[in-house]
């Protein structure tokens, strides 16, 4: 079998490779679901806004429209 057929690419595109390398260098690769991480980070921002500005804050995440909202409740 030729060498070219033995090489398996880790990423499908150069862009995926670049993003993957950045994430790996930052230590961001884990087995945690990215949607859960986004939910936690948004909740953390909501908590910090409440500490800084007071009041209740709500989080709205829409993955379909690529939208995250943190606003006073």
C-alpha atoms as a PDB file:
ATOM      1  CA  UNK A   1       0.000   0.000   0.000  1.00  0.00           C
ATOM      2  CA  UNK A   2       1.349   3.429  -0.918  1.00  0.00           C
ATOM      3  CA  UNK A   3       2.301   5.854   1.828  1.00  0.00           C
ATOM      4  CA  UNK A   4      -0.295   8.373   0.637  1.00  0.00           C
ATOM      5  CA  UNK A   5      -3.055   5.890   1.505  1.00  0.00           C
ATOM      6  CA  UNK A   6      -1.687   5.288   5.015  1.00  0.00           C
ATOM      7  CA  UNK A   7      -1.955   8.921   6.120  1.00  0.00           C
ATOM      8  CA  UNK A   8      -5.146   9.743   7.974  1.00  0.00           C
ATOM      9  CA  UNK A   9      -5.950  13.388   8.410  1.00  0.00           C
ATOM     10  CA  UNK A  10      -6.960  14.538  11.876  1.00  0.00           C
ATOM     11  CA  UNK A  11      -8.934  17.503  10.482  1.00  0.00           C
ATOM     12  CA  UNK A  12     -11.028  17.845   7.334  1.00  0.00           C
ATOM     13  CA  UNK A  13      -9.924  21.389   6.433  1.00  0.00           C
ATOM     14  CA  UNK A  14      -7.025  23.727   7.131  1.00  0.00           C
ATOM     15  CA  UNK A  15      -9.397  25.971   9.111  1.00  0.00           C
ATOM     16  CA  UNK A  16     -10.432  23.063  11.371  1.00  0.00           C
ATOM     17  CA  UNK A  17      -6.758  22.218  11.840  1.00  0.00           C
ATOM     18  CA  UNK A  18      -5.910  25.796  12.873  1.00  0.00           C
ATOM     19  CA  UNK A  19      -8.815  26.014  15.326  1.00  0.00           C
ATOM     20  CA  UNK A  20      -7.971  22.579  16.714  1.00  0.00           C
ATOM     21  CA  UNK A  21      -4.341  23.538  17.263  1.00  0.00           C
ATOM     22  CA  UNK A  22      -5.350  26.773  19.023  1.00  0.00           C
ATOM     23  CA  UNK A  23      -7.794  24.910  21.264  1.00  0.00           C
ATOM     24  CA  UNK A  24      -5.201  22.254  22.037  1.00  0.00           C
ATOM     25  CA  UNK A  25      -2.547  24.866  22.845  1.00  0.00           C
ATOM     26  CA  UNK A  26      -4.995  26.648  25.147  1.00  0.00           C
ATOM     27  CA  UNK A  27      -5.848  23.399  26.910  1.00  0.00           C
ATOM     28  CA  UNK A  28      -9.470  23.723  25.837  1.00  0.00           C
ATOM     29  CA  UNK A  29      -9.858  20.193  24.534  1.00  0.00           C
ATOM     30  CA  UNK A  30     -11.896  18.019  26.843  1.00  0.00           C
ATOM     31  CA  UNK A  31     -14.645  15.460  26.775  1.00  0.00           C
ATOM     32  CA  UNK A  32     -17.210  18.013  27.998  1.00  0.00           C
ATOM     33  CA  UNK A  33     -20.010  18.899  25.603  1.00  0.00           C
ATOM     34  CA  UNK A  34     -19.399  22.422  24.180  1.00  0.00           C
ATOM     35  CA  UNK A  35     -23.066  23.353  24.657  1.00  0.00           C
ATOM     36  CA  UNK A  36     -22.750  22.616  28.380  1.00  0.00           C
ATOM     37  CA  UNK A  37     -19.617  24.771  28.577  1.00  0.00           C
ATOM     38  CA  UNK A  38     -21.435  27.650  26.848  1.00  0.00           C
ATOM     39  CA  UNK A  39     -24.352  27.308  29.261  1.00  0.00           C
ATOM     40  CA  UNK A  40     -21.997  27.398  32.261  1.00  0.00           C
ATOM     41  CA  UNK A  41     -20.036  30.385  30.965  1.00  0.00           C
ATOM     42  CA  UNK A  42     -23.217  32.345  30.261  1.00  0.00           C
ATOM     43  CA  UNK A  43     -24.476  31.556  33.772  1.00  0.00           C
ATOM     44  CA  UNK A  44     -21.144  32.736  35.161  1.00  0.00           C
ATOM     45  CA  UNK A  45     -21.453  36.034  33.258  1.00  0.00           C
ATOM     46  CA  UNK A  46     -24.999  36.406  34.580  1.00  0.00           C
ATOM     47  CA  UNK A  47     -23.767  35.844  38.146  1.00  0.00           C
ATOM     48  CA  UNK A  48     -20.941  38.367  37.750  1.00  0.00           C
ATOM     49  CA  UNK A  49     -23.311  40.968  36.279  1.00  0.00           C
ATOM     50  CA  UNK A  50     -25.567  40.520  39.313  1.00  0.00           C
ATOM     51  CA  UNK A  51     -22.590  41.047  41.626  1.00  0.00           C
ATOM     52  CA  UNK A  52     -21.441  44.108  39.737  1.00  0.00           C
ATOM     53  CA  UNK A  53     -24.784  45.763  38.943  1.00  0.00           C
ATOM     54  CA  UNK A  54     -27.221  44.064  41.295  1.00  0.00           C
ATOM     55  CA  UNK A  55     -30.625  42.643  40.417  1.00  0.00           C
ATOM     56  CA  UNK A  56     -31.620  39.447  38.659  1.00  0.00           C
ATOM     57  CA  UNK A  57     -30.119  38.567  35.293  1.00  0.00           C
ATOM     58  CA  UNK A  58     -31.360  36.041  32.769  1.00  0.00           C
ATOM     59  CA  UNK A  59     -29.546  34.122  30.075  1.00  0.00           C
ATOM     60  CA  UNK A  60     -30.925  33.228  26.669  1.00  0.00           C
ATOM     61  CA  UNK A  61     -28.942  30.971  24.324  1.00  0.00           C
ATOM     62  CA  UNK A  62     -30.063  30.232  20.779  1.00  0.00           C
ATOM     63  CA  UNK A  63     -27.688  27.856  18.982  1.00  0.00           C
ATOM     64  CA  UNK A  64     -29.770  27.914  15.823  1.00  0.00           C
ATOM     65  CA  UNK A  65     -29.373  31.687  15.366  1.00  0.00           C
ATOM     66  CA  UNK A  66     -25.899  31.823  16.960  1.00  0.00           C
ATOM     67  CA  UNK A  67     -27.063  34.168  19.713  1.00  0.00           C
ATOM     68  CA  UNK A  68     -26.300  34.547  23.436  1.00  0.00           C
ATOM     69  CA  UNK A  69     -28.078  37.161  25.558  1.00  0.00           C
ATOM     70  CA  UNK A  70     -27.435  38.142  29.169  1.00  0.00           C
ATOM     71  CA  UNK A  71     -29.906  40.796  30.298  1.00  0.00           C
ATOM     72  CA  UNK A  72     -31.613  42.026  33.454  1.00  0.00           C
ATOM     73  CA  UNK A  73     -34.675  39.946  34.242  1.00  0.00           C
END
